[in-house]
Amino acid sequence: MININSISVLIIAYLFGSIPTAVWIGQAFYGIDVREYGSGNAGATNTFRVLGKKAGIPVMLMDILKGFTATNLAFFIGVSTTGGPHSNYISYQLALGIAAVMGHLFPVFAGFRGGKGIATLFGMVLAVNLSAALLCIIVFVIVLLITRYVSLSSIIGGFTYLIGVTFIYNKYTNNLIVIFGMCICALILVTHQKNIERLLKGKESKVNLFKRKDS
């Protein structure tokens, strides 16, 4: 049911997502707006690319926290896992998580020029289905260690979620979650078109995980 309370919490979720972590960290500690370099996106992947892991890791963790926190605002709408219909609770979580992702894509605090929303989306997934999220983490890390492509790791990690909720953790999920997983895959393909093109051409940038860049 839509009311003033739920609308207010949706706005708060959007504002959480709108916190431009990559922009603020880049400007505060490096004097750089990451949107002016690399892919031009204000997200963790481009921060890794432009500023390295010392900036990329905090940005990624904080963007994940944005999605996780916003999604869990469902508790404040008045529906709990024990006190209300579970399907309604999941619906509230998905709505709030999507609001946070939209905030990351179009942040009001950064001229509506945001990132691709993968880390924030993962925070949402973490709140909705912990087991599937942990599977995504494992796949992401393995692919990253092997290829050193953050974008490819994000893409494969995202598709892993759909596989997880459909075939591995289907006992604990429902059709709404599966549809959400399909939407994640569609969003990833849309937002990573340029990355996919660069990957196919062998021009995608790799992250330096263990060694410092030459000065």
N, C-alpha and C. Protein backbone atom coordinates (compact mmCIF):
# COMPACT_ATOMS: atom_id res chain seq x y z
N MET A 1 0.85 -1.20 0.00
CA MET A 1 0.00 0.00 0.00
C MET A 1 0.88 1.25 0.00
N ILE A 2 0.58 2.17 -0.94
CA ILE A 2 1.37 3.39 -1.04
C ILE A 2 0.79 4.46 -0.12
N ASN A 3 1.61 5.01 0.76
CA ASN A 3 1.18 6.09 1.65
C ASN A 3 2.35 7.05 1.84
N ILE A 4 2.12 8.06 2.64
CA ILE A 4 3.15 9.08 2.87
C ILE A 4 4.42 8.47 3.45
N ASN A 5 4.24 7.51 4.35
CA ASN A 5 5.38 6.87 4.99
C ASN A 5 6.25 6.13 3.98
N SER A 6 5.62 5.32 3.13
CA SER A 6 6.38 4.54 2.16
C SER A 6 7.03 5.43 1.12
N ILE A 7 6.34 6.50 0.71
CA ILE A 7 6.91 7.45 -0.26
C ILE A 7 8.14 8.14 0.35
N SER A 8 8.02 8.52 1.63
CA SER A 8 9.13 9.19 2.31
C SER A 8 10.36 8.28 2.39
N VAL A 9 10.12 7.00 2.70
CA VAL A 9 11.24 6.06 2.81
C VAL A 9 11.86 5.81 1.44
N LEU A 10 11.04 5.79 0.38
CA LEU A 10 11.57 5.64 -0.98
C LEU A 10 12.48 6.81 -1.34
N ILE A 11 12.07 8.01 -0.94
CA ILE A 11 12.90 9.20 -1.20
C ILE A 11 14.21 9.11 -0.44
N ILE A 12 14.14 8.65 0.81
CA ILE A 12 15.35 8.49 1.61
C ILE A 12 16.28 7.47 0.96
N ALA A 13 15.71 6.37 0.46
CA ALA A 13 16.52 5.34 -0.21
C ALA A 13 17.20 5.92 -1.45
N TYR A 14 16.47 6.72 -2.20
CA TYR A 14 17.06 7.37 -3.38
C TYR A 14 18.21 8.29 -2.97
N LEU A 15 18.03 9.04 -1.88
CA LEU A 15 19.07 9.95 -1.41
C LEU A 15 20.30 9.19 -0.93
N PHE A 16 20.09 8.03 -0.28
CA PHE A 16 21.22 7.17 0.09
C PHE A 16 22.01 6.80 -1.16
N GLY A 17 21.29 6.36 -2.18
CA GLY A 17 21.95 5.96 -3.42
C GLY A 17 22.63 7.11 -4.12
N SER A 18 22.13 8.33 -3.90
CA SER A 18 22.66 9.51 -4.58
C SER A 18 23.99 10.00 -4.01
N ILE A 19 24.40 9.46 -2.88
CA ILE A 19 25.69 9.87 -2.30
C ILE A 19 26.80 9.51 -3.30
N PRO A 20 27.45 10.48 -3.92
CA PRO A 20 28.45 10.21 -4.98
C PRO A 20 29.81 9.87 -4.40
N THR A 21 29.92 8.68 -3.86
CA THR A 21 31.13 8.27 -3.16
C THR A 21 32.40 8.47 -3.99
N ALA A 22 32.36 8.00 -5.24
CA ALA A 22 33.55 8.10 -6.09
C ALA A 22 33.94 9.56 -6.34
N VAL A 23 32.95 10.41 -6.56
CA VAL A 23 33.21 11.83 -6.83
C VAL A 23 33.79 12.50 -5.60
N TRP A 24 33.17 12.28 -4.45
CA TRP A 24 33.62 12.95 -3.23
C TRP A 24 35.00 12.48 -2.80
N ILE A 25 35.25 11.18 -2.84
CA ILE A 25 36.57 10.67 -2.45
C ILE A 25 37.63 11.14 -3.43
N GLY A 26 37.33 11.10 -4.71
CA GLY A 26 38.29 11.56 -5.73
C GLY A 26 38.64 13.02 -5.56
N GLN A 27 37.65 13.85 -5.30
CA GLN A 27 37.89 15.28 -5.15
C GLN A 27 38.56 15.60 -3.82
N ALA A 28 38.15 14.92 -2.75
CA ALA A 28 38.67 15.24 -1.42
C ALA A 28 40.12 14.80 -1.23
N PHE A 29 40.49 13.63 -1.75
CA PHE A 29 41.81 13.07 -1.48
C PHE A 29 42.77 13.13 -2.67
N TYR A 30 42.23 13.32 -3.87
CA TYR A 30 43.10 13.31 -5.05
C TYR A 30 42.93 14.55 -5.92
N GLY A 31 41.96 15.38 -5.60
CA GLY A 31 41.71 16.57 -6.40
C GLY A 31 41.26 16.24 -7.81
N ILE A 32 40.60 15.08 -7.96
CA ILE A 32 40.19 14.60 -9.27
C ILE A 32 38.71 14.23 -9.27
N ASP A 33 38.01 14.64 -10.31
CA ASP A 33 36.65 14.18 -10.55
C ASP A 33 36.77 12.99 -11.50
N VAL A 34 36.52 11.78 -10.98
CA VAL A 34 36.74 10.58 -11.78
C VAL A 34 35.86 10.55 -13.04
N ARG A 35 34.81 11.37 -13.07
CA ARG A 35 33.94 11.40 -14.26
C ARG A 35 34.61 12.07 -15.45
N GLU A 36 35.72 12.73 -15.19
CA GLU A 36 36.45 13.38 -16.28
C GLU A 36 37.55 12.49 -16.84
N TYR A 37 37.65 11.28 -16.34
CA TYR A 37 38.71 10.37 -16.78
C TYR A 37 38.13 8.97 -17.00
N GLY A 38 38.92 8.13 -17.65
CA GLY A 38 38.51 6.75 -17.85
C GLY A 38 37.21 6.64 -18.62
N SER A 39 36.28 5.87 -18.06
CA SER A 39 34.98 5.66 -18.72
C SER A 39 34.03 6.82 -18.50
N GLY A 40 34.37 7.72 -17.56
CA GLY A 40 33.50 8.85 -17.27
C GLY A 40 32.41 8.55 -16.27
N ASN A 41 32.44 7.37 -15.68
CA ASN A 41 31.41 6.98 -14.70
C ASN A 41 31.88 7.22 -13.27
N ALA A 42 30.93 7.57 -12.42
CA ALA A 42 31.24 7.82 -11.01
C ALA A 42 30.94 6.57 -10.20
N GLY A 43 31.74 5.53 -10.43
CA GLY A 43 31.54 4.29 -9.72
C GLY A 43 32.85 3.64 -9.34
N ALA A 44 32.73 2.47 -8.70
CA ALA A 44 33.92 1.77 -8.20
C ALA A 44 34.84 1.33 -9.33
N THR A 45 34.27 0.81 -10.43
CA THR A 45 35.10 0.31 -11.52
C THR A 45 35.99 1.40 -12.09
N ASN A 46 35.40 2.56 -12.35
CA ASN A 46 36.19 3.65 -12.91
C ASN A 46 37.16 4.22 -11.88
N THR A 47 36.80 4.16 -10.60
CA THR A 47 37.72 4.62 -9.56
C THR A 47 38.94 3.72 -9.49
N PHE A 48 38.73 2.41 -9.58
CA PHE A 48 39.87 1.48 -9.66
C PHE A 48 40.75 1.83 -10.84
N ARG A 49 40.11 2.11 -11.97
CA ARG A 49 40.83 2.37 -13.21
C ARG A 49 41.65 3.66 -13.12
N VAL A 50 41.04 4.71 -12.56
CA VAL A 50 41.66 6.03 -12.56
C VAL A 50 42.58 6.25 -11.36
N LEU A 51 42.13 5.84 -10.18
CA LEU A 51 42.85 6.17 -8.95
C LEU A 51 43.51 4.97 -8.27
N GLY A 52 43.20 3.76 -8.72
CA GLY A 52 43.82 2.59 -8.13
C GLY A 52 43.01 1.99 -6.99
N LYS A 53 43.55 0.91 -6.41
CA LYS A 53 42.80 0.15 -5.41
C LYS A 53 42.63 0.89 -4.08
N LYS A 54 43.58 1.80 -3.74
CA LYS A 54 43.45 2.51 -2.46
C LYS A 54 42.21 3.39 -2.43
N ALA A 55 41.79 3.88 -3.58
CA ALA A 55 40.55 4.64 -3.67
C ALA A 55 39.40 3.74 -4.08
N GLY A 56 39.68 2.77 -4.94
CA GLY A 56 38.63 1.92 -5.48
C GLY A 56 37.96 1.05 -4.44
N ILE A 57 38.75 0.48 -3.54
CA ILE A 57 38.17 -0.41 -2.52
C ILE A 57 37.22 0.33 -1.58
N PRO A 58 37.61 1.50 -1.02
CA PRO A 58 36.66 2.23 -0.17
C PRO A 58 35.40 2.65 -0.92
N VAL A 59 35.55 3.08 -2.17
CA VAL A 59 34.38 3.47 -2.96
C VAL A 59 33.45 2.28 -3.14
N MET A 60 34.02 1.13 -3.49
CA MET A 60 33.21 -0.06 -3.70
C MET A 60 32.47 -0.45 -2.42
N LEU A 61 33.17 -0.46 -1.29
CA LEU A 61 32.55 -0.85 -0.02
C LEU A 61 31.44 0.12 0.38
N MET A 62 31.68 1.40 0.20
CA MET A 62 30.68 2.40 0.58
C MET A 62 29.47 2.36 -0.36
N ASP A 63 29.70 2.08 -1.64
CA ASP A 63 28.59 1.95 -2.57
C ASP A 63 27.75 0.72 -2.26
N ILE A 64 28.41 -0.36 -1.84
CA ILE A 64 27.68 -1.56 -1.41
C ILE A 64 26.84 -1.23 -0.18
N LEU A 65 27.42 -0.49 0.76
CA LEU A 65 26.72 -0.11 1.98
C LEU A 65 25.49 0.74 1.68
N LYS A 66 25.59 1.59 0.66
CA LYS A 66 24.44 2.42 0.27
C LYS A 66 23.25 1.54 -0.10
N GLY A 67 23.50 0.56 -0.96
CA GLY A 67 22.42 -0.32 -1.40
C GLY A 67 21.89 -1.18 -0.28
N PHE A 68 22.79 -1.68 0.57
CA PHE A 68 22.39 -2.54 1.69
C PHE A 68 21.53 -1.78 2.69
N THR A 69 21.97 -0.57 3.04
CA THR A 69 21.25 0.24 4.01
C THR A 69 19.89 0.67 3.48
N ALA A 70 19.85 1.13 2.24
CA ALA A 70 18.59 1.59 1.64
C ALA A 70 17.58 0.45 1.56
N THR A 71 18.03 -0.73 1.18
CA THR A 71 17.12 -1.88 1.06
C THR A 71 16.54 -2.27 2.40
N ASN A 72 17.35 -2.20 3.44
CA ASN A 72 16.89 -2.58 4.77
C ASN A 72 16.01 -1.52 5.43
N LEU A 73 15.80 -0.39 4.75
CA LEU A 73 14.84 0.59 5.25
C LEU A 73 13.42 0.03 5.22
N ALA A 74 13.26 -1.13 4.58
CA ALA A 74 11.94 -1.79 4.55
C ALA A 74 11.43 -2.04 5.96
N PHE A 75 12.33 -2.21 6.92
CA PHE A 75 11.92 -2.42 8.30
C PHE A 75 11.10 -1.24 8.82
N PHE A 76 11.37 -0.04 8.31
CA PHE A 76 10.72 1.15 8.83
C PHE A 76 9.39 1.45 8.14
N ILE A 77 9.03 0.68 7.14
CA ILE A 77 7.74 0.89 6.48
C ILE A 77 6.62 0.25 7.27
N GLY A 78 6.98 -0.62 8.21
CA GLY A 78 5.96 -1.22 9.04
C GLY A 78 5.72 -2.69 8.75
N VAL A 79 6.56 -3.29 7.90
CA VAL A 79 6.43 -4.72 7.60
C VAL A 79 7.72 -5.40 8.01
N SER A 80 7.63 -6.41 8.83
CA SER A 80 8.82 -7.14 9.27
C SER A 80 8.74 -8.58 8.79
N THR A 81 9.85 -9.27 8.91
CA THR A 81 9.89 -10.66 8.44
C THR A 81 8.98 -11.55 9.26
N THR A 82 8.63 -11.15 10.46
CA THR A 82 7.77 -11.98 11.30
C THR A 82 6.39 -11.38 11.49
N GLY A 83 6.25 -10.09 11.29
CA GLY A 83 4.98 -9.45 11.58
C GLY A 83 4.11 -9.14 10.38
N GLY A 84 4.55 -9.50 9.17
CA GLY A 84 3.75 -9.20 7.99
C GLY A 84 4.01 -10.19 6.89
N PRO A 85 3.24 -10.10 5.82
CA PRO A 85 3.40 -11.02 4.69
C PRO A 85 4.80 -10.92 4.10
N HIS A 86 5.45 -12.08 3.95
CA HIS A 86 6.83 -12.09 3.47
C HIS A 86 6.91 -11.52 2.06
N SER A 87 5.95 -11.82 1.21
CA SER A 87 5.97 -11.33 -0.17
C SER A 87 5.94 -9.81 -0.20
N ASN A 88 5.14 -9.21 0.69
CA ASN A 88 5.10 -7.75 0.75
C ASN A 88 6.43 -7.18 1.21
N TYR A 89 7.05 -7.85 2.16
CA TYR A 89 8.35 -7.39 2.66
C TYR A 89 9.39 -7.40 1.55
N ILE A 90 9.42 -8.48 0.78
CA ILE A 90 10.35 -8.58 -0.34
C ILE A 90 10.07 -7.47 -1.35
N SER A 91 8.80 -7.19 -1.60
CA SER A 91 8.43 -6.14 -2.54
C SER A 91 8.96 -4.78 -2.08
N TYR A 92 8.82 -4.51 -0.78
CA TYR A 92 9.34 -3.25 -0.23
C TYR A 92 10.86 -3.19 -0.38
N GLN A 93 11.52 -4.30 -0.08
CA GLN A 93 12.98 -4.33 -0.21
C GLN A 93 13.41 -4.03 -1.65
N LEU A 94 12.76 -4.68 -2.59
CA LEU A 94 13.12 -4.48 -4.00
C LEU A 94 12.87 -3.04 -4.43
N ALA A 95 11.74 -2.47 -4.01
CA ALA A 95 11.42 -1.09 -4.37
C ALA A 95 12.45 -0.12 -3.81
N LEU A 96 12.84 -0.33 -2.57
CA LEU A 96 13.82 0.56 -1.93
C LEU A 96 15.20 0.39 -2.53
N GLY A 97 15.57 -0.86 -2.80
CA GLY A 97 16.86 -1.11 -3.42
C GLY A 97 16.96 -0.48 -4.80
N ILE A 98 15.89 -0.61 -5.58
CA ILE A 98 15.86 -0.01 -6.92
C ILE A 98 15.96 1.51 -6.82
N ALA A 99 15.30 2.09 -5.82
CA ALA A 99 15.38 3.53 -5.62
C ALA A 99 16.83 3.95 -5.35
N ALA A 100 17.55 3.16 -4.56
CA ALA A 100 18.95 3.46 -4.26
C ALA A 100 19.81 3.34 -5.51
N VAL A 101 19.56 2.31 -6.31
CA VAL A 101 20.32 2.13 -7.55
C VAL A 101 20.07 3.30 -8.50
N MET A 102 18.81 3.73 -8.60
CA MET A 102 18.49 4.88 -9.44
C MET A 102 19.18 6.13 -8.93
N GLY A 103 19.30 6.23 -7.60
CA GLY A 103 20.04 7.35 -7.02
C GLY A 103 21.50 7.32 -7.42
N HIS A 104 22.08 6.12 -7.46
CA HIS A 104 23.48 6.00 -7.87
C HIS A 104 23.64 6.33 -9.35
N LEU A 105 22.70 5.90 -10.17
CA LEU A 105 22.77 6.17 -11.61
C LEU A 105 22.56 7.65 -11.90
N PHE A 106 21.63 8.27 -11.15
CA PHE A 106 21.27 9.67 -11.37
C PHE A 106 21.28 10.42 -10.04
N PRO A 107 22.49 10.67 -9.49
CA PRO A 107 22.60 11.27 -8.15
C PRO A 107 22.26 12.75 -8.12
N VAL A 108 21.34 13.11 -7.27
CA VAL A 108 20.94 14.51 -7.15
C VAL A 108 22.08 15.35 -6.59
N PHE A 109 23.01 14.73 -5.86
CA PHE A 109 24.12 15.47 -5.25
C PHE A 109 25.31 15.65 -6.20
N ALA A 110 25.21 15.11 -7.42
CA ALA A 110 26.33 15.21 -8.36
C ALA A 110 25.84 15.47 -9.77
N GLY A 111 24.86 16.34 -9.89
CA GLY A 111 24.37 16.74 -11.21
C GLY A 111 23.77 15.62 -12.02
N PHE A 112 23.27 14.59 -11.34
CA PHE A 112 22.62 13.45 -11.99
C PHE A 112 23.56 12.68 -12.93
N ARG A 113 24.86 12.81 -12.71
CA ARG A 113 25.87 12.05 -13.47
C ARG A 113 26.52 11.04 -12.54
N GLY A 114 26.02 9.81 -12.55
CA GLY A 114 26.50 8.82 -11.62
C GLY A 114 27.26 7.68 -12.27
N GLY A 115 27.26 6.53 -11.61
CA GLY A 115 27.95 5.36 -12.10
C GLY A 115 27.00 4.34 -12.69
N LYS A 116 27.43 3.10 -12.71
CA LYS A 116 26.64 2.03 -13.32
C LYS A 116 25.82 1.26 -12.30
N GLY A 117 26.05 1.51 -11.04
CA GLY A 117 25.20 0.96 -9.99
C GLY A 117 25.46 -0.48 -9.59
N ILE A 118 26.56 -1.07 -10.05
CA ILE A 118 26.77 -2.48 -9.76
C ILE A 118 27.04 -2.72 -8.27
N ALA A 119 27.90 -1.92 -7.66
CA ALA A 119 28.20 -2.10 -6.23
C ALA A 119 26.96 -1.83 -5.38
N THR A 120 26.21 -0.78 -5.73
CA THR A 120 24.98 -0.48 -4.99
C THR A 120 23.96 -1.58 -5.19
N LEU A 121 23.89 -2.10 -6.40
CA LEU A 121 22.99 -3.21 -6.70
C LEU A 121 23.38 -4.45 -5.89
N PHE A 122 24.69 -4.66 -5.75
CA PHE A 122 25.13 -5.81 -4.96
C PHE A 122 24.74 -5.64 -3.49
N GLY A 123 24.83 -4.41 -2.98
CA GLY A 123 24.39 -4.17 -1.60
C GLY A 123 22.92 -4.51 -1.43
N MET A 124 22.14 -4.22 -2.46
CA MET A 124 20.71 -4.57 -2.46
C MET A 124 20.54 -6.09 -2.43
N VAL A 125 21.30 -6.79 -3.28
CA VAL A 125 21.25 -8.25 -3.33
C VAL A 125 21.66 -8.85 -1.99
N LEU A 126 22.66 -8.25 -1.37
CA LEU A 126 23.15 -8.71 -0.07
C LEU A 126 22.04 -8.68 0.98
N ALA A 127 21.21 -7.64 0.92
CA ALA A 127 20.12 -7.50 1.87
C ALA A 127 18.96 -8.44 1.56
N VAL A 128 18.72 -8.71 0.29
CA VAL A 128 17.57 -9.52 -0.13
C VAL A 128 17.86 -11.01 0.01
N ASN A 129 19.04 -11.45 -0.43
CA ASN A 129 19.37 -12.88 -0.41
C ASN A 129 20.85 -13.05 -0.11
N LEU A 130 21.18 -13.25 1.15
CA LEU A 130 22.57 -13.31 1.59
C LEU A 130 23.33 -14.46 0.93
N SER A 131 22.72 -15.63 0.84
CA SER A 131 23.41 -16.79 0.28
C SER A 131 23.80 -16.56 -1.17
N ALA A 132 22.87 -16.05 -1.97
CA ALA A 132 23.16 -15.78 -3.38
C ALA A 132 24.21 -14.69 -3.50
N ALA A 133 24.16 -13.71 -2.60
CA ALA A 133 25.14 -12.62 -2.62
C ALA A 133 26.54 -13.13 -2.34
N LEU A 134 26.66 -14.04 -1.39
CA LEU A 134 27.98 -14.61 -1.06
C LEU A 134 28.53 -15.40 -2.24
N LEU A 135 27.64 -16.09 -2.96
CA LEU A 135 28.06 -16.81 -4.16
C LEU A 135 28.59 -15.83 -5.20
N CYS A 136 27.91 -14.69 -5.33
CA CYS A 136 28.36 -13.66 -6.27
C CYS A 136 29.74 -13.13 -5.90
N ILE A 137 29.98 -12.95 -4.60
CA ILE A 137 31.28 -12.47 -4.13
C ILE A 137 32.38 -13.45 -4.53
N ILE A 138 32.14 -14.73 -4.29
CA ILE A 138 33.14 -15.75 -4.60
C ILE A 138 33.47 -15.73 -6.09
N VAL A 139 32.43 -15.69 -6.92
CA VAL A 139 32.64 -15.68 -8.38
C VAL A 139 33.34 -14.40 -8.81
N PHE A 140 32.92 -13.26 -8.25
CA PHE A 140 33.54 -11.98 -8.58
C PHE A 140 35.04 -12.00 -8.29
N VAL A 141 35.40 -12.46 -7.09
CA VAL A 141 36.80 -12.47 -6.67
C VAL A 141 37.63 -13.41 -7.55
N ILE A 142 37.09 -14.58 -7.84
CA ILE A 142 37.82 -15.55 -8.67
C ILE A 142 38.07 -14.98 -10.05
N VAL A 143 37.03 -14.41 -10.66
CA VAL A 143 37.18 -13.84 -12.01
C VAL A 143 38.15 -12.66 -11.99
N LEU A 144 38.07 -11.84 -10.95
CA LEU A 144 38.96 -10.68 -10.84
C LEU A 144 40.42 -11.10 -10.69
N LEU A 145 40.66 -12.11 -9.86
CA LEU A 145 42.03 -12.59 -9.67
C LEU A 145 42.60 -13.20 -10.95
N ILE A 146 41.74 -13.85 -11.73
CA ILE A 146 42.20 -14.50 -12.95
C ILE A 146 42.41 -13.49 -14.08
N THR A 147 41.44 -12.58 -14.24
CA THR A 147 41.46 -11.69 -15.41
C THR A 147 41.93 -10.28 -15.10
N ARG A 148 41.74 -9.81 -13.85
CA ARG A 148 42.02 -8.43 -13.43
C ARG A 148 41.10 -7.41 -14.12
N TYR A 149 39.98 -7.89 -14.67
CA TYR A 149 38.97 -6.99 -15.24
C TYR A 149 37.84 -6.83 -14.23
N VAL A 150 37.68 -5.61 -13.67
CA VAL A 150 36.59 -5.37 -12.73
C VAL A 150 35.24 -5.47 -13.45
N SER A 151 35.18 -4.94 -14.67
CA SER A 151 33.92 -4.95 -15.42
C SER A 151 33.47 -6.38 -15.71
N LEU A 152 34.37 -7.23 -16.19
CA LEU A 152 34.02 -8.62 -16.49
C LEU A 152 33.61 -9.36 -15.22
N SER A 153 34.31 -9.08 -14.13
CA SER A 153 33.97 -9.71 -12.85
C SER A 153 32.57 -9.30 -12.40
N SER A 154 32.23 -8.03 -12.61
CA SER A 154 30.91 -7.52 -12.24
C SER A 154 29.82 -8.17 -13.09
N ILE A 155 30.08 -8.28 -14.38
CA ILE A 155 29.10 -8.87 -15.29
C ILE A 155 28.83 -10.33 -14.93
N ILE A 156 29.89 -11.11 -14.76
CA ILE A 156 29.73 -12.53 -14.44
C ILE A 156 29.13 -12.70 -13.06
N GLY A 157 29.54 -11.84 -12.11
CA GLY A 157 28.97 -11.90 -10.77
C GLY A 157 27.48 -11.62 -10.79
N GLY A 158 27.05 -10.67 -11.61
CA GLY A 158 25.63 -10.35 -11.72
C GLY A 158 24.81 -11.50 -12.28
N PHE A 159 25.32 -12.14 -13.31
CA PHE A 159 24.62 -13.29 -13.88
C PHE A 159 24.61 -14.48 -12.92
N THR A 160 25.62 -14.54 -12.06
CA THR A 160 25.66 -15.61 -11.06
C THR A 160 24.47 -15.51 -10.11
N TYR A 161 24.03 -14.28 -9.84
CA TYR A 161 22.89 -14.11 -8.93
C TYR A 161 21.65 -14.77 -9.51
N LEU A 162 21.38 -14.55 -10.79
CA LEU A 162 20.21 -15.16 -11.42
C LEU A 162 20.31 -16.68 -11.39
N ILE A 163 21.48 -17.21 -11.67
CA ILE A 163 21.68 -18.65 -11.62
C ILE A 163 21.45 -19.17 -10.20
N GLY A 164 21.96 -18.42 -9.22
CA GLY A 164 21.83 -18.83 -7.83
C GLY A 164 20.40 -18.91 -7.36
N VAL A 165 19.62 -17.84 -7.60
CA VAL A 165 18.24 -17.82 -7.09
C VAL A 165 17.32 -18.73 -7.90
N THR A 166 17.72 -19.05 -9.14
CA THR A 166 16.87 -19.89 -9.98
C THR A 166 17.11 -21.37 -9.76
N PHE A 167 18.39 -21.76 -9.61
CA PHE A 167 18.71 -23.18 -9.57
C PHE A 167 19.30 -23.68 -8.25
N ILE A 168 20.00 -22.81 -7.53
CA ILE A 168 20.70 -23.26 -6.33
C ILE A 168 19.92 -22.97 -5.05
N TYR A 169 19.42 -21.74 -4.94
CA TYR A 169 18.69 -21.35 -3.73
C TYR A 169 17.20 -21.17 -4.00
N ASN A 170 16.66 -21.91 -4.97
CA ASN A 170 15.26 -21.74 -5.35
C ASN A 170 14.28 -22.14 -4.25
N LYS A 171 14.76 -22.91 -3.28
CA LYS A 171 13.90 -23.30 -2.16
C LYS A 171 13.55 -22.10 -1.30
N TYR A 172 14.43 -21.08 -1.32
CA TYR A 172 14.25 -19.92 -0.44
C TYR A 172 13.85 -18.66 -1.21
N THR A 173 13.40 -18.83 -2.44
CA THR A 173 13.08 -17.67 -3.26
C THR A 173 11.68 -17.79 -3.83
N ASN A 174 11.28 -16.80 -4.62
CA ASN A 174 9.97 -16.83 -5.28
C ASN A 174 10.10 -16.21 -6.66
N ASN A 175 8.99 -16.18 -7.39
CA ASN A 175 9.03 -15.69 -8.77
C ASN A 175 9.48 -14.24 -8.85
N LEU A 176 9.12 -13.45 -7.85
CA LEU A 176 9.49 -12.04 -7.84
C LEU A 176 11.01 -11.87 -7.80
N ILE A 177 11.67 -12.70 -7.02
CA ILE A 177 13.13 -12.65 -6.92
C ILE A 177 13.77 -13.08 -8.23
N VAL A 178 13.21 -14.09 -8.88
CA VAL A 178 13.74 -14.56 -10.16
C VAL A 178 13.60 -13.46 -11.22
N ILE A 179 12.44 -12.81 -11.25
CA ILE A 179 12.23 -11.70 -12.19
C ILE A 179 13.23 -10.59 -11.91
N PHE A 180 13.46 -10.33 -10.63
CA PHE A 180 14.46 -9.32 -10.24
C PHE A 180 15.84 -9.70 -10.75
N GLY A 181 16.18 -11.00 -10.65
CA GLY A 181 17.47 -11.47 -11.16
C GLY A 181 17.59 -11.25 -12.66
N MET A 182 16.51 -11.46 -13.39
CA MET A 182 16.51 -11.21 -14.83
C MET A 182 16.73 -9.72 -15.12
N CYS A 183 16.10 -8.89 -14.32
CA CYS A 183 16.25 -7.44 -14.49
C CYS A 183 17.69 -7.00 -14.23
N ILE A 184 18.33 -7.65 -13.24
CA ILE A 184 19.74 -7.36 -12.95
C ILE A 184 20.59 -7.64 -14.18
N CYS A 185 20.38 -8.80 -14.79
CA CYS A 185 21.15 -9.17 -15.98
C CYS A 185 20.93 -8.17 -17.11
N ALA A 186 19.67 -7.75 -17.30
CA ALA A 186 19.36 -6.79 -18.36
C ALA A 186 20.05 -5.45 -18.09
N LEU A 187 20.01 -5.01 -16.82
CA LEU A 187 20.64 -3.75 -16.44
C LEU A 187 22.15 -3.82 -16.66
N ILE A 188 22.74 -4.93 -16.30
CA ILE A 188 24.19 -5.09 -16.47
C ILE A 188 24.58 -5.00 -17.93
N LEU A 189 23.81 -5.66 -18.79
CA LEU A 189 24.12 -5.63 -20.23
C LEU A 189 23.98 -4.23 -20.79
N VAL A 190 22.96 -3.49 -20.33
CA VAL A 190 22.73 -2.13 -20.83
C VAL A 190 23.83 -1.18 -20.36
N THR A 191 24.17 -1.25 -19.08
CA THR A 191 25.14 -0.30 -18.52
C THR A 191 26.59 -0.65 -18.86
N HIS A 192 26.83 -1.87 -19.31
CA HIS A 192 28.20 -2.29 -19.60
C HIS A 192 28.46 -2.50 -21.10
N GLN A 193 27.66 -1.88 -21.93
CA GLN A 193 27.83 -2.05 -23.37
C GLN A 193 29.24 -1.67 -23.83
N LYS A 194 29.71 -0.51 -23.39
CA LYS A 194 31.03 -0.05 -23.81
C LYS A 194 32.13 -0.95 -23.26
N ASN A 195 31.93 -1.42 -22.01
CA ASN A 195 32.91 -2.33 -21.43
C ASN A 195 32.98 -3.63 -22.22
N ILE A 196 31.82 -4.14 -22.60
CA ILE A 196 31.77 -5.38 -23.37
C ILE A 196 32.47 -5.18 -24.71
N GLU A 197 32.25 -4.03 -25.34
CA GLU A 197 32.92 -3.75 -26.62
C GLU A 197 34.43 -3.71 -26.44
N ARG A 198 34.89 -3.05 -25.35
CA ARG A 198 36.33 -2.98 -25.11
C ARG A 198 36.91 -4.35 -24.77
N LEU A 199 36.14 -5.17 -24.04
CA LEU A 199 36.60 -6.51 -23.72
C LEU A 199 36.77 -7.35 -24.98
N LEU A 200 35.82 -7.25 -25.89
CA LEU A 200 35.88 -8.00 -27.14
C LEU A 200 37.05 -7.56 -28.01
N LYS A 201 37.40 -6.27 -27.90
CA LYS A 201 38.51 -5.72 -28.69
C LYS A 201 39.85 -5.83 -27.96
N GLY A 202 39.81 -6.32 -26.71
CA GLY A 202 41.04 -6.43 -25.93
C GLY A 202 41.57 -5.10 -25.45
N LYS A 203 40.69 -4.10 -25.32
CA LYS A 203 41.12 -2.76 -24.95
C LYS A 203 40.66 -2.35 -23.55
N GLU A 204 40.00 -3.24 -22.84
CA GLU A 204 39.53 -2.92 -21.50
C GLU A 204 40.70 -2.83 -20.53
N SER A 205 40.68 -1.84 -19.65
CA SER A 205 41.76 -1.65 -18.69
C SER A 205 41.70 -2.69 -17.58
N LYS A 206 42.87 -3.15 -17.15
CA LYS A 206 42.98 -4.08 -16.04
C LYS A 206 43.39 -3.33 -14.78
N VAL A 207 43.01 -3.86 -13.63
CA VAL A 207 43.42 -3.24 -12.37
C VAL A 207 44.69 -3.91 -11.87
N ASN A 208 45.53 -3.10 -11.22
CA ASN A 208 46.78 -3.61 -10.66
C ASN A 208 46.50 -3.99 -9.21
N LEU A 209 46.34 -5.28 -8.95
CA LEU A 209 45.88 -5.72 -7.64
C LEU A 209 46.99 -5.82 -6.59
N PHE A 210 48.18 -6.19 -7.01
CA PHE A 210 49.20 -6.53 -6.02
C PHE A 210 50.45 -5.68 -6.10
N LYS A 211 50.61 -4.95 -7.18
CA LYS A 211 51.82 -4.15 -7.32
C LYS A 211 51.47 -2.68 -7.43
N ARG A 212 52.36 -1.87 -6.94
CA ARG A 212 52.17 -0.43 -7.06
C ARG A 212 52.51 0.01 -8.47
N LYS A 213 51.81 1.07 -8.90
CA LYS A 213 52.13 1.61 -10.21
C LYS A 213 53.49 2.29 -10.17
N ASP A 214 54.18 2.21 -11.28
CA ASP A 214 55.47 2.90 -11.35
C ASP A 214 55.28 4.39 -11.22
N SER A 215 56.15 5.01 -10.47
CA SER A 215 56.03 6.46 -10.27
C SER A 215 56.71 7.20 -11.40
